[in-house]
């Protein structure tokens, strides 16, 4: 009929959603394949630091985003104010200190926008697919870098010029590809498990998580990072528990038994060289467990004293110098403590409050935030990741969630 009303949603939405999906896919890929744009003379350290200036104005002008921002104006402004205070009241502001805090502030705004758009699970799926695509590309870069290719000129590796010899040996032992070392890369890849788990469960395709897990294990001989395997391994066991048969378990145990026997007789593990060397260094030949624990305990306690002394943050360079002067170490080996030192106690407490809030009601916050919290916590407990842009972005998701009221029931959006 000529006079029949046409629904408002019958026009542009399909194109609009498709464009949004493409944008968030590219954002997810950029977060993992996080090229060092500073290598090209740009005023941004990494690719993900440039994208907020492009995507916040464009995605933020969507009607649902504006409506949600108006509803959440007070708590969102409070969160941004606390992050911004660290830029003003930080005890020592040196090169990079203000920059990293500004990056976190922009990430919180961008994460808030994405959480609104994720009400449509097609957009959330696109972001997760982007993360996995970027992870595979980042793994390829790690492999190429390990073969000796000079990738610094392309922004695909962290320059080691100016590092002392001890630190250079550490970076060579724990290779990082796009990131400074394997201590970062292992946890970055581990956090990619959020995307793999969501897609696997939502689409009932365990193969997605299996491919992800295989990629993570392939990176281990290069990164030598054990802690990054904890949560992905636990999830793998839970995901595959119904598919495991006694014969499969016995076969795996039999293979491991043969490997142990051969190693005890010959002194060598009969596996590819890099994998065998990684297992020997990180498991068989690691006799520094007690000393490592003592070092972490000492650096952690000393860092907490600095947190009390500098409640608004001390700055990245200054706190490393103070820690080294007090303990001989430059890191507290804990992301929560280092975040407090970098951005102030209030921001660290906000992050912890967000994690507790999500995990106390996972059904209301949905799988993305719940799995992000679960994968974030172990890595943050074992390694300093408060200056890693990939982790900063996921921290921003947790902080942004504090400004929103959880949904009574998960939305499908399809």
Protein backbone atom coordinates (compact mmCIF):
# COMPACT_ATOMS: atom_id res chain seq x y z
CA UNK A 1 0.00 0.00 0.00
CA UNK A 2 1.22 3.49 -0.89
CA UNK A 3 0.37 4.90 2.53
CA UNK A 4 1.98 2.07 4.52
CA UNK A 5 4.67 3.30 6.90
CA UNK A 6 8.18 2.04 6.32
CA UNK A 7 10.03 1.05 9.51
CA UNK A 8 12.89 3.39 10.36
CA UNK A 9 15.26 0.42 10.71
CA UNK A 10 14.55 -0.78 7.18
CA UNK A 11 16.92 1.69 5.55
CA UNK A 12 20.57 2.02 6.43
CA UNK A 13 21.15 -0.37 9.39
CA UNK A 14 22.51 -3.29 7.35
CA UNK A 15 25.17 -1.06 5.74
CA UNK A 16 25.83 0.74 9.02
CA UNK A 17 26.31 -2.49 10.99
CA UNK A 18 28.51 -3.88 8.24
CA UNK A 19 30.72 -0.80 8.35
CA UNK A 20 30.91 -0.96 12.14
CA UNK A 21 31.88 -4.61 11.98
CA UNK A 22 34.64 -3.84 9.49
CA UNK A 23 35.93 -1.02 11.70
CA UNK A 24 36.01 -3.04 14.91
CA UNK A 25 37.56 -6.01 13.06
CA UNK A 26 40.43 -3.77 11.94
CA UNK A 27 40.72 -2.35 15.47
CA UNK A 28 40.97 -5.86 16.95
CA UNK A 29 43.60 -6.85 14.37
CA UNK A 30 45.56 -3.64 15.04
CA UNK A 31 45.61 -4.31 18.80
CA UNK A 32 47.41 -7.62 18.27
CA UNK A 33 49.41 -6.67 15.17
CA UNK A 34 50.35 -3.47 17.00
CA UNK A 35 52.92 -1.93 14.69
CA UNK A 36 55.39 0.57 16.15
CA UNK A 37 54.25 3.65 14.26
CA UNK A 38 56.92 5.71 16.03
CA UNK A 39 59.40 3.92 13.75
CA UNK A 40 58.00 5.97 10.86
CA UNK A 41 58.42 9.30 12.66
CA UNK A 42 54.75 9.56 13.72
CA UNK A 43 53.91 11.06 17.14
CA UNK A 44 52.25 7.80 18.24
CA UNK A 45 54.13 4.90 19.78
CA UNK A 46 51.90 2.19 18.34
CA UNK A 47 49.14 1.80 15.79
CA UNK A 48 46.45 1.33 18.46
CA UNK A 49 47.32 4.76 19.91
CA UNK A 50 46.43 6.48 16.64
CA UNK A 51 43.06 4.77 16.15
CA UNK A 52 41.09 6.49 18.98
CA UNK A 53 41.47 9.82 17.17
CA UNK A 54 39.83 8.25 14.12
CA UNK A 55 37.28 5.88 15.65
CA UNK A 56 36.01 7.79 18.72
CA UNK A 57 34.43 10.61 16.66
CA UNK A 58 33.01 8.20 14.08
CA UNK A 59 31.71 5.35 16.26
CA UNK A 60 30.86 7.70 19.12
CA UNK A 61 28.26 9.56 17.04
CA UNK A 62 25.99 6.51 16.86
CA UNK A 63 22.61 7.14 18.49
CA UNK A 64 22.81 4.25 21.02
CA UNK A 65 26.29 5.38 22.06
CA UNK A 66 25.19 8.99 22.61
CA UNK A 67 22.13 7.85 24.59
CA UNK A 68 24.22 5.53 26.79
CA UNK A 69 26.87 8.22 27.29
CA UNK A 70 24.21 10.68 28.49
CA UNK A 71 22.82 8.08 30.93
CA UNK A 72 26.31 7.28 32.22
CA UNK A 73 27.75 10.80 32.08
CA UNK A 74 28.47 11.13 35.82
CA UNK A 75 30.30 7.82 36.47
CA UNK A 76 32.12 7.98 33.12
CA UNK A 77 33.31 11.53 33.86
CA UNK A 78 34.46 10.41 37.31
CA UNK A 79 36.53 7.56 35.88
CA UNK A 80 38.11 9.80 33.25
CA UNK A 81 38.81 12.46 35.90
CA UNK A 82 40.66 9.97 38.11
CA UNK A 83 42.77 8.83 35.15
CA UNK A 84 43.39 12.45 34.17
CA UNK A 85 44.46 13.42 37.70
CA UNK A 86 47.46 11.11 37.35
CA UNK A 87 48.70 13.25 34.44
CA UNK A 88 48.61 16.36 36.63
CA UNK A 89 49.62 15.13 40.09
CA UNK A 90 52.13 12.42 39.13
CA UNK A 91 55.30 12.95 41.18
CA UNK A 92 57.78 12.77 38.31
CA UNK A 93 56.68 13.46 34.77
CA UNK A 94 59.38 12.41 32.33
CA UNK A 95 59.44 11.18 28.75
CA UNK A 96 56.46 8.93 28.09
CA UNK A 97 54.74 9.26 31.47
CA UNK A 98 51.99 11.65 30.38
CA UNK A 99 51.69 9.80 27.07
CA UNK A 100 50.86 6.44 28.64
CA UNK A 101 48.25 7.96 30.95
CA UNK A 102 46.65 9.82 28.03
CA UNK A 103 46.55 6.56 26.06
CA UNK A 104 44.68 4.83 28.90
CA UNK A 105 42.20 7.73 29.08
CA UNK A 106 41.47 7.53 25.34
CA UNK A 107 41.21 3.75 25.55
CA UNK A 108 38.54 4.03 28.28
CA UNK A 109 36.41 6.25 26.01
CA UNK A 110 36.88 3.90 23.08
CA UNK A 111 36.14 0.83 25.21
CA UNK A 112 32.92 2.44 26.50
CA UNK A 113 31.78 2.95 22.89
CA UNK A 114 32.62 -0.63 21.99
CA UNK A 115 30.74 -2.06 24.98
CA UNK A 116 27.62 -0.25 23.78
CA UNK A 117 28.07 -1.56 20.22
CA UNK A 118 28.71 -5.08 21.55
CA UNK A 119 24.98 -5.29 22.40
CA UNK A 120 24.87 -6.53 18.80
CA UNK A 121 26.88 -9.73 19.01
CA UNK A 122 27.75 -9.48 15.32
CA UNK A 123 29.89 -6.45 16.15
CA UNK A 124 31.43 -8.27 19.11
CA UNK A 125 32.18 -11.27 16.90
CA UNK A 126 33.91 -9.01 14.38
CA UNK A 127 36.14 -7.59 17.11
CA UNK A 128 37.02 -11.09 18.33
CA UNK A 129 37.79 -12.24 14.78
CA UNK A 130 40.04 -9.23 14.38
CA UNK A 131 41.90 -10.10 17.57
CA UNK A 132 42.52 -13.66 16.35
CA UNK A 133 43.57 -12.52 12.86
CA UNK A 134 46.00 -10.06 14.43
CA UNK A 135 47.30 -12.74 16.78
CA UNK A 136 48.16 -15.06 13.89
CA UNK A 137 49.86 -12.19 12.06
CA UNK A 138 51.77 -11.25 15.22
CA UNK A 139 52.84 -14.88 15.64
CA UNK A 140 54.13 -14.83 12.05
CA UNK A 141 56.15 -11.70 12.86
CA UNK A 142 57.57 -13.45 15.95
CA UNK A 143 58.64 -16.41 13.79
CA UNK A 144 60.25 -14.15 11.20
CA UNK A 145 62.05 -12.11 13.85
CA UNK A 146 63.41 -15.30 15.41
CA UNK A 147 64.94 -16.26 12.07
CA UNK A 148 67.09 -13.15 12.17
CA UNK A 149 65.15 -10.88 9.83
CA UNK A 150 65.61 -7.15 10.51
CA UNK A 151 62.03 -5.95 10.98
CA UNK A 152 62.69 -2.80 13.00
CA UNK A 153 62.56 -0.56 9.94
CA UNK A 154 58.98 -1.74 9.27
CA UNK A 155 57.84 -1.14 12.85
CA UNK A 156 57.48 -4.89 13.37
CA UNK A 157 60.10 -5.28 16.08
CA UNK A 158 61.33 -3.30 19.09
CA UNK A 159 64.78 -1.75 18.48
CA UNK A 160 67.45 -3.01 20.88
CA UNK A 161 69.95 -0.24 20.18
CA UNK A 162 71.21 1.30 23.40
CA UNK A 163 70.34 -1.68 25.59
CA UNK A 164 73.06 -3.05 27.83
CA UNK A 165 74.46 -6.50 27.03
CA UNK A 166 72.62 -8.27 29.88
CA UNK A 167 69.26 -6.93 28.72
CA UNK A 168 70.07 -7.83 25.11
CA UNK A 169 70.75 -11.43 26.16
CA UNK A 170 67.44 -11.48 28.05
CA UNK A 171 65.55 -10.26 24.97
CA UNK A 172 67.29 -12.85 22.79
CA UNK A 173 66.41 -15.63 25.24
CA UNK A 174 62.77 -14.50 25.54
CA UNK A 175 61.89 -13.20 22.10
CA UNK A 176 58.94 -10.84 21.78
CA UNK A 177 58.49 -10.00 18.11
CA UNK A 178 56.26 -6.91 18.15
CA UNK A 179 56.69 -6.55 21.92
CA UNK A 180 59.77 -5.89 24.00
CA UNK A 181 60.27 -9.48 25.18
CA UNK A 182 58.61 -12.85 25.58
CA UNK A 183 57.50 -11.78 29.06
CA UNK A 184 55.00 -9.48 27.32
CA UNK A 185 54.25 -11.54 24.23
CA UNK A 186 53.28 -14.68 26.13
CA UNK A 187 50.65 -12.78 28.13
CA UNK A 188 49.43 -10.81 25.11
CA UNK A 189 48.81 -14.07 23.25
CA UNK A 190 47.22 -15.55 26.37
CA UNK A 191 44.69 -12.71 26.52
CA UNK A 192 43.78 -13.48 22.92
CA UNK A 193 42.09 -16.55 24.41
CA UNK A 194 39.13 -14.31 25.30
CA UNK A 195 38.25 -13.93 21.63
CA UNK A 196 38.86 -17.61 20.85
CA UNK A 197 36.72 -18.79 23.76
CA UNK A 198 33.80 -16.48 22.93
CA UNK A 199 33.69 -17.54 19.28
CA UNK A 200 34.13 -21.22 20.13
CA UNK A 201 31.23 -21.28 22.60
CA UNK A 202 28.93 -18.93 20.72
CA UNK A 203 29.21 -20.78 17.42
CA UNK A 204 29.79 -24.22 18.96
CA UNK A 205 33.08 -24.65 17.10
CA UNK A 206 35.78 -25.91 19.43
CA UNK A 207 38.14 -25.93 16.47
CA UNK A 208 38.50 -22.15 16.86
CA UNK A 209 39.94 -22.49 20.34
CA UNK A 210 42.06 -25.46 19.25
CA UNK A 211 43.67 -23.40 16.48
CA UNK A 212 44.27 -20.56 18.92
CA UNK A 213 45.78 -22.90 21.50
CA UNK A 214 48.05 -24.49 18.89
CA UNK A 215 49.25 -20.99 17.90
CA UNK A 216 49.92 -20.15 21.55
CA UNK A 217 51.93 -23.34 22.05
CA UNK A 218 53.87 -22.65 18.85
CA UNK A 219 54.98 -19.32 20.33
CA UNK A 220 56.29 -20.86 23.57
CA UNK A 221 59.70 -22.03 22.25
CA UNK A 222 60.42 -18.40 21.35
CA UNK A 223 58.82 -16.47 24.22
CA UNK A 224 59.75 -18.96 26.98
CA UNK A 225 56.78 -17.63 28.94
CA UNK A 226 55.20 -20.18 31.25
CA UNK A 227 52.80 -17.91 33.10
CA UNK A 228 51.00 -17.01 29.87
CA UNK A 229 50.01 -20.66 29.46
CA UNK A 230 48.12 -21.01 32.75
CA UNK A 231 44.65 -19.68 31.92
CA UNK A 232 44.57 -20.87 28.28
CA UNK A 233 45.59 -24.35 29.45
CA UNK A 234 42.91 -24.44 32.16
CA UNK A 235 40.26 -23.34 29.65
CA UNK A 236 41.52 -25.89 27.13
CA UNK A 237 41.12 -28.69 29.69
CA UNK A 238 37.60 -27.53 30.62
CA UNK A 239 36.56 -27.10 27.00
CA UNK A 240 37.80 -30.52 25.94
CA UNK A 241 36.87 -32.49 29.07
CA UNK A 242 33.89 -34.22 27.43
CA UNK A 243 35.88 -35.13 24.33
CA UNK A 244 38.73 -36.75 26.20
CA UNK A 245 38.73 -40.54 26.22
CA UNK A 246 40.77 -42.86 28.39
CA UNK A 247 42.71 -44.08 25.35
CA UNK A 248 43.67 -40.51 24.41
CA UNK A 249 44.81 -39.67 27.95
CA UNK A 250 46.84 -42.89 28.20
CA UNK A 251 48.42 -42.23 24.78
CA UNK A 252 49.52 -38.72 25.82
CA UNK A 253 50.86 -40.00 29.13
CA UNK A 254 52.70 -42.78 27.28
CA UNK A 255 54.36 -40.29 24.91
CA UNK A 256 55.38 -38.07 27.82
CA UNK A 257 56.76 -41.12 29.63
CA UNK A 258 58.88 -42.07 26.61
CA UNK A 259 60.20 -38.50 26.34
CA UNK A 260 61.15 -38.49 30.03
CA UNK A 261 62.91 -41.85 29.73
CA UNK A 262 64.86 -40.78 26.62
CA UNK A 263 65.84 -37.50 28.31
CA UNK A 264 66.99 -39.29 31.50
CA UNK A 265 69.10 -41.74 29.46
CA UNK A 266 70.57 -39.43 26.81
CA UNK A 267 70.34 -36.04 28.54
CA UNK A 268 68.50 -34.62 25.54
CA UNK A 269 64.77 -34.18 24.90
CA UNK A 270 63.88 -35.74 21.50
CA UNK A 271 61.92 -32.73 20.20
CA UNK A 272 62.69 -29.94 17.70
CA UNK A 273 65.68 -27.90 18.91
CA UNK A 274 63.90 -24.68 19.88
CA UNK A 275 61.09 -26.51 21.69
CA UNK A 276 63.52 -28.81 23.50
CA UNK A 277 65.70 -25.87 24.55
CA UNK A 278 62.64 -23.93 25.79
CA UNK A 279 61.41 -26.87 27.87
CA UNK A 280 64.87 -27.42 29.34
CA UNK A 281 65.36 -23.74 30.22
CA UNK A 282 61.89 -23.09 31.64
CA UNK A 283 61.17 -26.45 33.29
CA UNK A 284 64.01 -28.98 33.49
CA UNK A 285 66.96 -26.61 34.10
CA UNK A 286 65.18 -23.90 36.07
CA UNK A 287 66.83 -24.25 39.49
CA UNK A 288 66.25 -20.61 40.42
CA UNK A 289 62.70 -21.02 41.75
CA UNK A 290 63.37 -20.02 45.37
CA UNK A 291 65.66 -17.13 44.40
CA UNK A 292 63.08 -15.98 41.82
CA UNK A 293 60.37 -16.03 44.48
CA UNK A 294 62.56 -14.05 46.89
CA UNK A 295 63.31 -11.45 44.21
CA UNK A 296 59.63 -11.04 43.32
CA UNK A 297 58.64 -10.78 46.97
CA UNK A 298 61.31 -8.15 47.66
CA UNK A 299 60.49 -6.08 44.56
CA UNK A 300 56.75 -6.36 45.27
CA UNK A 301 57.00 -5.21 48.90
CA UNK A 302 59.32 -2.36 47.96
CA UNK A 303 57.00 -1.31 45.14
CA UNK A 304 54.05 -1.24 47.55
CA UNK A 305 56.03 1.15 49.77
CA UNK A 306 56.51 3.39 46.74
CA UNK A 307 52.76 3.21 46.09
CA UNK A 308 52.14 4.54 49.60
CA UNK A 309 54.77 7.24 49.11
CA UNK A 310 53.37 8.30 45.72
CA UNK A 311 49.55 7.76 45.81
CA UNK A 312 49.07 9.73 42.57
CA UNK A 313 51.77 7.82 40.70
CA UNK A 314 55.50 8.30 40.42
CA UNK A 315 56.08 7.98 36.70
CA UNK A 316 57.46 5.10 34.65
CA UNK A 317 61.12 6.14 34.48
CA UNK A 318 61.38 7.44 38.06
CA UNK A 319 59.83 4.38 39.65
CA UNK A 320 62.17 2.07 37.73
CA UNK A 321 65.13 4.11 38.94
CA UNK A 322 63.88 4.09 42.54
CA UNK A 323 63.15 0.36 42.49
CA UNK A 324 66.58 -0.38 41.07
CA UNK A 325 68.25 1.78 43.70
CA UNK A 326 66.35 0.01 46.51
CA UNK A 327 66.33 -3.60 45.29
CA UNK A 328 68.52 -3.87 42.21
CA UNK A 329 65.38 -4.80 40.23
CA UNK A 330 63.32 -2.55 37.97
CA UNK A 331 59.93 -4.25 38.11
CA UNK A 332 57.46 -5.37 40.80
CA UNK A 333 56.41 -8.28 38.54
CA UNK A 334 52.79 -7.37 39.21
CA UNK A 335 50.51 -5.45 36.87
CA UNK A 336 48.25 -4.06 39.60
CA UNK A 337 51.18 -2.60 41.56
CA UNK A 338 52.86 -1.18 38.46
CA UNK A 339 49.52 0.37 37.37
CA UNK A 340 49.29 2.10 40.76
CA UNK A 341 52.82 3.42 40.31
CA UNK A 342 52.12 4.58 36.77
CA UNK A 343 48.56 5.97 37.09
CA UNK A 344 47.91 6.28 40.81
CA UNK A 345 46.27 4.20 43.53
CA UNK A 346 42.73 5.28 42.58
CA UNK A 347 43.02 3.89 39.04
CA UNK A 348 44.42 0.57 40.29
CA UNK A 349 41.62 0.28 42.87
CA UNK A 350 39.05 1.09 40.17
CA UNK A 351 40.41 -1.74 38.04
CA UNK A 352 40.23 -4.18 40.95
CA UNK A 353 36.68 -3.01 41.78
CA UNK A 354 35.66 -3.55 38.15
CA UNK A 355 37.09 -7.07 38.13
CA UNK A 356 35.32 -7.97 41.39
CA UNK A 357 32.04 -6.47 40.14
CA UNK A 358 32.13 -8.47 36.91
CA UNK A 359 33.11 -11.78 38.47
CA UNK A 360 30.49 -11.43 41.20
CA UNK A 361 27.72 -11.30 38.56
CA UNK A 362 29.11 -12.79 35.33
CA UNK A 363 25.68 -13.57 33.90
CA UNK A 364 24.72 -9.89 33.93
CA UNK A 365 27.93 -8.60 32.37
CA UNK A 366 28.11 -11.11 29.54
CA UNK A 367 30.89 -13.35 28.25
CA UNK A 368 33.25 -10.71 26.86
CA UNK A 369 33.78 -8.85 30.14
CA UNK A 370 33.68 -12.05 32.19
CA UNK A 371 36.31 -13.86 30.12
CA UNK A 372 38.41 -10.68 29.92
CA UNK A 373 38.45 -10.51 33.73
CA UNK A 374 39.34 -14.20 34.03
CA UNK A 375 42.21 -13.98 31.54
CA UNK A 376 43.48 -10.62 32.82
CA UNK A 377 43.92 -11.50 36.48
CA UNK A 378 46.53 -14.33 36.24
CA UNK A 379 48.69 -12.38 33.81
CA UNK A 380 48.49 -9.21 35.90
CA UNK A 381 49.51 -11.19 38.99
CA UNK A 382 52.61 -12.63 37.33
CA UNK A 383 53.96 -9.86 35.14
CA UNK A 384 54.18 -6.11 34.84
CA UNK A 385 51.85 -5.25 31.97
CA UNK A 386 50.56 -1.79 32.87
CA UNK A 387 52.48 -0.16 29.99
CA UNK A 388 51.58 -2.73 27.34
CA UNK A 389 48.97 -1.19 25.01
CA UNK A 390 47.16 -4.47 24.46
CA UNK A 391 46.66 -4.94 28.19
CA UNK A 392 45.85 -1.26 28.65
CA UNK A 393 42.97 -1.69 26.21
CA UNK A 394 41.51 -4.65 28.11
CA UNK A 395 41.99 -2.76 31.39
CA UNK A 396 40.04 0.06 29.75
CA UNK A 397 37.15 -2.35 29.07
CA UNK A 398 37.00 -3.19 32.79
CA UNK A 399 37.17 0.49 33.80
CA UNK A 400 34.52 1.49 31.23
CA UNK A 401 32.18 -1.23 32.50
CA UNK A 402 32.05 0.60 35.86
CA UNK A 403 30.20 3.46 34.16
CA UNK A 404 27.42 1.20 32.85
CA UNK A 405 24.62 -0.65 34.59
CA UNK A 406 24.75 -4.37 33.77
CA UNK A 407 21.97 -5.82 31.66
CA UNK A 408 19.39 -7.95 33.53
CA UNK A 409 19.82 -10.65 30.88
CA UNK A 410 22.36 -11.04 28.07
CA UNK A 411 21.28 -9.54 24.73
CA UNK A 412 21.53 -11.61 21.59
CA UNK A 413 21.39 -8.79 19.05
CA UNK A 414 20.89 -11.12 16.11
